[in-house]
Amino acid sequence: DVTEMEEKEAQAKQEEQIMKEQELSNLLHEKRYLKALGLAISLDRPHTVLTVVKAILKEPEGRRRLEENIVRLRKDQK
C-alpha cells in the first residue's frame, strides 16, 4: 500500500529531524560552535545561527575562525 509507505517515509524524515535538533543542542551545550553553525544553517534556523555567530565572536580568535569557516560554506548556505 502506497499510503503506508508514505507514512513510514514521513516518520523517518521526522525522526531524522529530531536527531539533528538533538545533535545541534548537544553541540551548543559542548560549545562546539563551528560545527553547530553548519548544522544550524542546514536546519534553516536563522535565530540559532545568529546566536552561534555571537558566541563564536566572543571566543579568543573567534573572528578569524568565523571568517575561515564562512569561506568554506556553500553559496546557498551563505
PDB file of N, CA and C in Angstrom:
ATOM      1  N   ASP A   1       0.838  -1.184   0.000  1.00  0.00           N
ATOM      2  CA  ASP A   1       0.000   0.000   0.000  1.00  0.00           C
ATOM      3  C   ASP A   1       0.886   1.251   0.000  1.00  0.00           C
ATOM      4  N   VAL A   2       0.616   2.174  -0.890  1.00  0.00           N
ATOM      5  CA  VAL A   2       1.419   3.385  -1.054  1.00  0.00           C
ATOM      6  C   VAL A   2       1.301   4.308   0.158  1.00  0.00           C
ATOM      7  N   THR A   3       0.107   4.381   0.726  1.00  0.00           N
ATOM      8  CA  THR A   3      -0.118   5.249   1.877  1.00  0.00           C
ATOM      9  C   THR A   3       0.758   4.834   3.055  1.00  0.00           C
ATOM     10  N   GLU A   4       0.843   3.555   3.291  1.00  0.00           N
ATOM     11  CA  GLU A   4       1.658   3.061   4.399  1.00  0.00           C
ATOM     12  C   GLU A   4       3.133   3.397   4.177  1.00  0.00           C
ATOM     13  N   MET A   5       3.606   3.253   2.944  1.00  0.00           N
ATOM     14  CA  MET A   5       4.997   3.550   2.627  1.00  0.00           C
ATOM     15  C   MET A   5       5.266   5.050   2.790  1.00  0.00           C
ATOM     16  N   GLU A   6       4.327   5.892   2.380  1.00  0.00           N
ATOM     17  CA  GLU A   6       4.484   7.339   2.524  1.00  0.00           C
ATOM     18  C   GLU A   6       4.514   7.739   3.995  1.00  0.00           C
ATOM     19  N   GLU A   7       3.686   7.093   4.801  1.00  0.00           N
ATOM     20  CA  GLU A   7       3.672   7.369   6.236  1.00  0.00           C
ATOM     21  C   GLU A   7       5.002   6.984   6.876  1.00  0.00           C
ATOM     22  N   LYS A   8       5.566   5.854   6.476  1.00  0.00           N
ATOM     23  CA  LYS A   8       6.852   5.423   7.009  1.00  0.00           C
ATOM     24  C   LYS A   8       7.963   6.387   6.604  1.00  0.00           C
ATOM     25  N   GLU A   9       7.929   6.864   5.365  1.00  0.00           N
ATOM     26  CA  GLU A   9       8.924   7.831   4.908  1.00  0.00           C
ATOM     27  C   GLU A   9       8.805   9.138   5.679  1.00  0.00           C
ATOM     28  N   ALA A  10       7.587   9.597   5.910  1.00  0.00           N
ATOM     29  CA  ALA A  10       7.364  10.829   6.662  1.00  0.00           C
ATOM     30  C   ALA A  10       7.850  10.670   8.093  1.00  0.00           C
ATOM     31  N   GLN A  11       7.596   9.516   8.684  1.00  0.00           N
ATOM     32  CA  GLN A  11       8.038   9.254  10.045  1.00  0.00           C
ATOM     33  C   GLN A  11       9.569   9.215  10.108  1.00  0.00           C
ATOM     34  N   ALA A  12      10.204   8.623   9.114  1.00  0.00           N
ATOM     35  CA  ALA A  12      11.670   8.554   9.077  1.00  0.00           C
ATOM     36  C   ALA A  12      12.264   9.953   8.956  1.00  0.00           C
ATOM     37  N   LYS A  13      11.664  10.807   8.133  1.00  0.00           N
ATOM     38  CA  LYS A  13      12.139  12.182   7.997  1.00  0.00           C
ATOM     39  C   LYS A  13      11.981  12.945   9.299  1.00  0.00           C
ATOM     40  N   GLN A  14      10.868  12.736   9.964  1.00  0.00           N
ATOM     41  CA  GLN A  14      10.625  13.412  11.239  1.00  0.00           C
ATOM     42  C   GLN A  14      11.637  12.954  12.284  1.00  0.00           C
ATOM     43  N   GLU A  15      11.920  11.664  12.325  1.00  0.00           N
ATOM     44  CA  GLU A  15      12.893  11.138  13.273  1.00  0.00           C
ATOM     45  C   GLU A  15      14.288  11.696  12.989  1.00  0.00           C
ATOM     46  N   GLU A  16      14.631  11.817  11.708  1.00  0.00           N
ATOM     47  CA  GLU A  16      15.932  12.379  11.333  1.00  0.00           C
ATOM     48  C   GLU A  16      16.026  13.841  11.772  1.00  0.00           C
ATOM     49  N   GLN A  17      14.950  14.585  11.600  1.00  0.00           N
ATOM     50  CA  GLN A  17      14.915  15.988  12.015  1.00  0.00           C
ATOM     51  C   GLN A  17      15.113  16.098  13.528  1.00  0.00           C
ATOM     52  N   ILE A  18      14.467  15.239  14.274  1.00  0.00           N
ATOM     53  CA  ILE A  18      14.595  15.244  15.728  1.00  0.00           C
ATOM     54  C   ILE A  18      16.033  14.925  16.133  1.00  0.00           C
ATOM     55  N   MET A  19      16.654  13.969  15.443  1.00  0.00           N
ATOM     56  CA  MET A  19      18.042  13.608  15.745  1.00  0.00           C
ATOM     57  C   MET A  19      18.978  14.786  15.480  1.00  0.00           C
ATOM     58  N   LYS A  20      18.747  15.498  14.382  1.00  0.00           N
ATOM     59  CA  LYS A  20      19.587  16.651  14.065  1.00  0.00           C
ATOM     60  C   LYS A  20      19.388  17.771  15.075  1.00  0.00           C
ATOM     61  N   GLU A  21      18.153  17.986  15.494  1.00  0.00           N
ATOM     62  CA  GLU A  21      17.874  19.005  16.512  1.00  0.00           C
ATOM     63  C   GLU A  21      18.597  18.660  17.817  1.00  0.00           C
ATOM     64  N   GLN A  22      18.587  17.384  18.184  1.00  0.00           N
ATOM     65  CA  GLN A  22      19.273  16.949  19.403  1.00  0.00           C
ATOM     66  C   GLN A  22      20.778  17.128  19.260  1.00  0.00           C
ATOM     67  N   GLU A  23      21.313  16.797  18.082  1.00  0.00           N
ATOM     68  CA  GLU A  23      22.743  16.975  17.838  1.00  0.00           C
ATOM     69  C   GLU A  23      23.123  18.448  17.949  1.00  0.00           C
ATOM     70  N   LEU A  24      22.290  19.328  17.409  1.00  0.00           N
ATOM     71  CA  LEU A  24      22.543  20.760  17.498  1.00  0.00           C
ATOM     72  C   LEU A  24      22.549  21.204  18.954  1.00  0.00           C
ATOM     73  N   SER A  25      21.596  20.743  19.699  1.00  0.00           N
ATOM     74  CA  SER A  25      21.530  21.076  21.124  1.00  0.00           C
ATOM     75  C   SER A  25      22.790  20.607  21.850  1.00  0.00           C
ATOM     76  N   ASN A  26      23.232  19.396  21.543  1.00  0.00           N
ATOM     77  CA  ASN A  26      24.449  18.861  22.174  1.00  0.00           C
ATOM     78  C   ASN A  26      25.673  19.686  21.795  1.00  0.00           C
ATOM     79  N   LEU A  27      25.792  20.049  20.524  1.00  0.00           N
ATOM     80  CA  LEU A  27      26.939  20.847  20.081  1.00  0.00           C
ATOM     81  C   LEU A  27      26.973  22.201  20.781  1.00  0.00           C
ATOM     82  N   LEU A  28      25.823  22.818  20.937  1.00  0.00           N
ATOM     83  CA  LEU A  28      25.761  24.102  21.626  1.00  0.00           C
ATOM     84  C   LEU A  28      26.138  23.946  23.099  1.00  0.00           C
ATOM     85  N   HIS A  29      25.660  22.895  23.712  1.00  0.00           N
ATOM     86  CA  HIS A  29      25.979  22.639  25.120  1.00  0.00           C
ATOM     87  C   HIS A  29      27.475  22.401  25.311  1.00  0.00           C
ATOM     88  N   GLU A  30      28.088  21.710  24.345  1.00  0.00           N
ATOM     89  CA  GLU A  30      29.521  21.404  24.408  1.00  0.00           C
ATOM     90  C   GLU A  30      30.382  22.557  23.892  1.00  0.00           C
ATOM     91  N   LYS A  31      29.742  23.650  23.483  1.00  0.00           N
ATOM     92  CA  LYS A  31      30.420  24.833  22.953  1.00  0.00           C
ATOM     93  C   LYS A  31      31.261  24.512  21.723  1.00  0.00           C
ATOM     94  N   ARG A  32      30.763  23.604  20.901  1.00  0.00           N
ATOM     95  CA  ARG A  32      31.393  23.275  19.616  1.00  0.00           C
ATOM     96  C   ARG A  32      30.670  24.102  18.557  1.00  0.00           C
ATOM     97  N   TYR A  33      30.930  25.403  18.629  1.00  0.00           N
ATOM     98  CA  TYR A  33      30.151  26.369  17.865  1.00  0.00           C
ATOM     99  C   TYR A  33      30.333  26.271  16.361  1.00  0.00           C
ATOM    100  N   LEU A  34      31.530  25.973  15.903  1.00  0.00           N
ATOM    101  CA  LEU A  34      31.746  25.955  14.463  1.00  0.00           C
ATOM    102  C   LEU A  34      30.968  24.830  13.793  1.00  0.00           C
ATOM    103  N   LYS A  35      30.929  23.673  14.417  1.00  0.00           N
ATOM    104  CA  LYS A  35      30.132  22.571  13.874  1.00  0.00           C
ATOM    105  C   LYS A  35      28.636  22.878  14.016  1.00  0.00           C
ATOM    106  N   ALA A  36      28.278  23.501  15.128  1.00  0.00           N
ATOM    107  CA  ALA A  36      26.881  23.876  15.358  1.00  0.00           C
ATOM    108  C   ALA A  36      26.407  24.879  14.309  1.00  0.00           C
ATOM    109  N   LEU A  37      27.301  25.752  13.884  1.00  0.00           N
ATOM    110  CA  LEU A  37      26.946  26.745  12.874  1.00  0.00           C
ATOM    111  C   LEU A  37      26.495  26.072  11.583  1.00  0.00           C
ATOM    112  N   GLY A  38      27.274  25.120  11.116  1.00  0.00           N
ATOM    113  CA  GLY A  38      26.909  24.418   9.888  1.00  0.00           C
ATOM    114  C   GLY A  38      25.590  23.677  10.015  1.00  0.00           C
ATOM    115  N   LEU A  39      25.383  23.043  11.158  1.00  0.00           N
ATOM    116  CA  LEU A  39      24.144  22.295  11.360  1.00  0.00           C
ATOM    117  C   LEU A  39      22.948  23.239  11.463  1.00  0.00           C
ATOM    118  N   ALA A  40      23.109  24.354  12.152  1.00  0.00           N
ATOM    119  CA  ALA A  40      22.013  25.320  12.277  1.00  0.00           C
ATOM    120  C   ALA A  40      21.632  25.885  10.909  1.00  0.00           C
ATOM    121  N   ILE A  41      22.640  26.104  10.063  1.00  0.00           N
ATOM    122  CA  ILE A  41      22.353  26.589   8.708  1.00  0.00           C
ATOM    123  C   ILE A  41      21.591  25.535   7.924  1.00  0.00           C
ATOM    124  N   SER A  42      22.034  24.286   8.018  1.00  0.00           N
ATOM    125  CA  SER A  42      21.362  23.224   7.249  1.00  0.00           C
ATOM    126  C   SER A  42      19.940  22.971   7.750  1.00  0.00           C
ATOM    127  N   LEU A  43      19.687  23.253   9.014  1.00  0.00           N
ATOM    128  CA  LEU A  43      18.341  23.081   9.568  1.00  0.00           C
ATOM    129  C   LEU A  43      17.462  24.316   9.341  1.00  0.00           C
ATOM    130  N   ASP A  44      18.033  25.346   8.717  1.00  0.00           N
ATOM    131  CA  ASP A  44      17.313  26.589   8.452  1.00  0.00           C
ATOM    132  C   ASP A  44      16.783  27.200   9.749  1.00  0.00           C
ATOM    133  N   ARG A  45      17.718  27.408  10.682  1.00  0.00           N
ATOM    134  CA  ARG A  45      17.392  28.009  11.977  1.00  0.00           C
ATOM    135  C   ARG A  45      18.134  29.335  12.120  1.00  0.00           C
ATOM    136  N   PRO A  46      17.652  30.421  11.477  1.00  0.00           N
ATOM    137  CA  PRO A  46      18.391  31.687  11.457  1.00  0.00           C
ATOM    138  C   PRO A  46      18.673  32.273  12.836  1.00  0.00           C
ATOM    139  N   HIS A  47      17.750  32.160  13.755  1.00  0.00           N
ATOM    140  CA  HIS A  47      17.994  32.705  15.095  1.00  0.00           C
ATOM    141  C   HIS A  47      19.130  31.946  15.783  1.00  0.00           C
ATOM    142  N   THR A  48      19.151  30.638  15.622  1.00  0.00           N
ATOM    143  CA  THR A  48      20.219  29.830  16.200  1.00  0.00           C
ATOM    144  C   THR A  48      21.554  30.167  15.541  1.00  0.00           C
ATOM    145  N   VAL A  49      21.534  30.395  14.222  1.00  0.00           N
ATOM    146  CA  VAL A  49      22.755  30.785  13.516  1.00  0.00           C
ATOM    147  C   VAL A  49      23.302  32.080  14.115  1.00  0.00           C
ATOM    148  N   LEU A  50      22.434  33.055  14.339  1.00  0.00           N
ATOM    149  CA  LEU A  50      22.857  34.323  14.920  1.00  0.00           C
ATOM    150  C   LEU A  50      23.441  34.112  16.328  1.00  0.00           C
ATOM    151  N   THR A  51      22.796  33.302  17.117  1.00  0.00           N
ATOM    152  CA  THR A  51      23.278  33.012  18.467  1.00  0.00           C
ATOM    153  C   THR A  51      24.658  32.370  18.416  1.00  0.00           C
ATOM    154  N   VAL A  52      24.849  31.434  17.515  1.00  0.00           N
ATOM    155  CA  VAL A  52      26.131  30.747  17.375  1.00  0.00           C
ATOM    156  C   VAL A  52      27.208  31.719  16.909  1.00  0.00           C
ATOM    157  N   VAL A  53      26.890  32.569  15.943  1.00  0.00           N
ATOM    158  CA  VAL A  53      27.857  33.549  15.447  1.00  0.00           C
ATOM    159  C   VAL A  53      28.298  34.470  16.580  1.00  0.00           C
ATOM    160  N   LYS A  54      27.352  34.937  17.374  1.00  0.00           N
ATOM    161  CA  LYS A  54      27.693  35.808  18.510  1.00  0.00           C
ATOM    162  C   LYS A  54      28.596  35.080  19.505  1.00  0.00           C
ATOM    163  N   ALA A  55      28.314  33.805  19.761  1.00  0.00           N
ATOM    164  CA  ALA A  55      29.129  33.028  20.692  1.00  0.00           C
ATOM    165  C   ALA A  55      30.545  32.834  20.143  1.00  0.00           C
ATOM    166  N   ILE A  56      30.653  32.578  18.848  1.00  0.00           N
ATOM    167  CA  ILE A  56      31.974  32.410  18.227  1.00  0.00           C
ATOM    168  C   ILE A  56      32.776  33.699  18.343  1.00  0.00           C
ATOM    169  N   LEU A  57      32.138  34.830  18.107  1.00  0.00           N
ATOM    170  CA  LEU A  57      32.836  36.111  18.151  1.00  0.00           C
ATOM    171  C   LEU A  57      33.344  36.452  19.544  1.00  0.00           C
ATOM    172  N   LYS A  58      32.743  35.892  20.570  1.00  0.00           N
ATOM    173  CA  LYS A  58      33.185  36.141  21.946  1.00  0.00           C
ATOM    174  C   LYS A  58      34.415  35.325  22.324  1.00  0.00           C
ATOM    175  N   GLU A  59      34.716  34.293  21.550  1.00  0.00           N
ATOM    176  CA  GLU A  59      35.851  33.423  21.853  1.00  0.00           C
ATOM    177  C   GLU A  59      37.159  34.058  21.391  1.00  0.00           C
ATOM    178  N   PRO A  60      38.282  33.659  22.013  1.00  0.00           N
ATOM    179  CA  PRO A  60      39.582  34.126  21.519  1.00  0.00           C
ATOM    180  C   PRO A  60      39.768  33.633  20.080  1.00  0.00           C
ATOM    181  N   GLU A  61      40.261  34.485  19.233  1.00  0.00           N
ATOM    182  CA  GLU A  61      40.448  34.166  17.815  1.00  0.00           C
ATOM    183  C   GLU A  61      39.113  33.854  17.119  1.00  0.00           C
ATOM    184  N   GLY A  62      38.019  34.238  17.732  1.00  0.00           N
ATOM    185  CA  GLY A  62      36.701  33.909  17.195  1.00  0.00           C
ATOM    186  C   GLY A  62      36.436  34.517  15.830  1.00  0.00           C
ATOM    187  N   ARG A  63      36.819  35.783  15.668  1.00  0.00           N
ATOM    188  CA  ARG A  63      36.562  36.452  14.390  1.00  0.00           C
ATOM    189  C   ARG A  63      37.303  35.742  13.260  1.00  0.00           C
ATOM    190  N   ARG A  64      38.561  35.413  13.485  1.00  0.00           N
ATOM    191  CA  ARG A  64      39.356  34.739  12.456  1.00  0.00           C
ATOM    192  C   ARG A  64      38.769  33.374  12.137  1.00  0.00           C
ATOM    193  N   ARG A  65      38.411  32.610  13.165  1.00  0.00           N
ATOM    194  CA  ARG A  65      37.845  31.275  12.963  1.00  0.00           C
ATOM    195  C   ARG A  65      36.507  31.344  12.236  1.00  0.00           C
ATOM    196  N   LEU A  66      35.696  32.338  12.578  1.00  0.00           N
ATOM    197  CA  LEU A  66      34.405  32.509  11.915  1.00  0.00           C
ATOM    198  C   LEU A  66      34.611  32.815  10.432  1.00  0.00           C
ATOM    199  N   GLU A  67      35.532  33.729  10.141  1.00  0.00           N
ATOM    200  CA  GLU A  67      35.804  34.078   8.749  1.00  0.00           C
ATOM    201  C   GLU A  67      36.283  32.864   7.958  1.00  0.00           C
ATOM    202  N   GLU A  68      37.162  32.080   8.552  1.00  0.00           N
ATOM    203  CA  GLU A  68      37.668  30.874   7.880  1.00  0.00           C
ATOM    204  C   GLU A  68      36.539  29.900   7.561  1.00  0.00           C
ATOM    205  N   ASN A  69      35.601  29.776   8.465  1.00  0.00           N
ATOM    206  CA  ASN A  69      34.502  28.829   8.259  1.00  0.00           C
ATOM    207  C   ASN A  69      33.450  29.366   7.299  1.00  0.00           C
ATOM    208  N   ILE A  70      33.234  30.654   7.292  1.00  0.00           N
ATOM    209  CA  ILE A  70      32.265  31.227   6.360  1.00  0.00           C
ATOM    210  C   ILE A  70      32.746  31.037   4.927  1.00  0.00           C
ATOM    211  N   VAL A  71      34.047  31.162   4.717  1.00  0.00           N
ATOM    212  CA  VAL A  71      34.614  30.968   3.383  1.00  0.00           C
ATOM    213  C   VAL A  71      34.316  29.556   2.874  1.00  0.00           C
ATOM    214  N   ARG A  72      34.280  28.574   3.787  1.00  0.00           N
ATOM    215  CA  ARG A  72      34.061  27.176   3.403  1.00  0.00           C
ATOM    216  C   ARG A  72      32.595  26.834   3.147  1.00  0.00           C
ATOM    217  N   LEU A  73      31.677  27.725   3.514  1.00  0.00           N
ATOM    218  CA  LEU A  73      30.254  27.442   3.314  1.00  0.00           C
ATOM    219  C   LEU A  73      29.902  27.463   1.829  1.00  0.00           C
ATOM    220  N   ARG A  74      28.919  26.646   1.496  1.00  0.00           N
ATOM    221  CA  ARG A  74      28.408  26.659   0.122  1.00  0.00           C
ATOM    222  C   ARG A  74      27.678  27.983  -0.107  1.00  0.00           C
ATOM    223  N   LYS A  75      27.548  28.338  -1.373  1.00  0.00           N
ATOM    224  CA  LYS A  75      26.916  29.608  -1.720  1.00  0.00           C
ATOM    225  C   LYS A  75      25.490  29.683  -1.173  1.00  0.00           C
ATOM    226  N   ASP A  76      24.740  28.600  -1.260  1.00  0.00           N
ATOM    227  CA  ASP A  76      23.364  28.603  -0.774  1.00  0.00           C
ATOM    228  C   ASP A  76      23.296  28.709   0.751  1.00  0.00           C
ATOM    229  N   GLN A  77      24.354  28.285   1.451  1.00  0.00           N
ATOM    230  CA  GLN A  77      24.379  28.403   2.905  1.00  0.00           C
ATOM    231  C   GLN A  77      24.674  29.838   3.340  1.00  0.00           C
ATOM    232  N   LYS A  78      25.453  30.543   2.524  1.00  0.00           N
ATOM    233  CA  LYS A  78      25.773  31.925   2.858  1.00  0.00           C
ATOM    234  C   LYS A  78      24.533  32.791   2.705  1.00  0.00           C
TER     235      LYS A  78
END
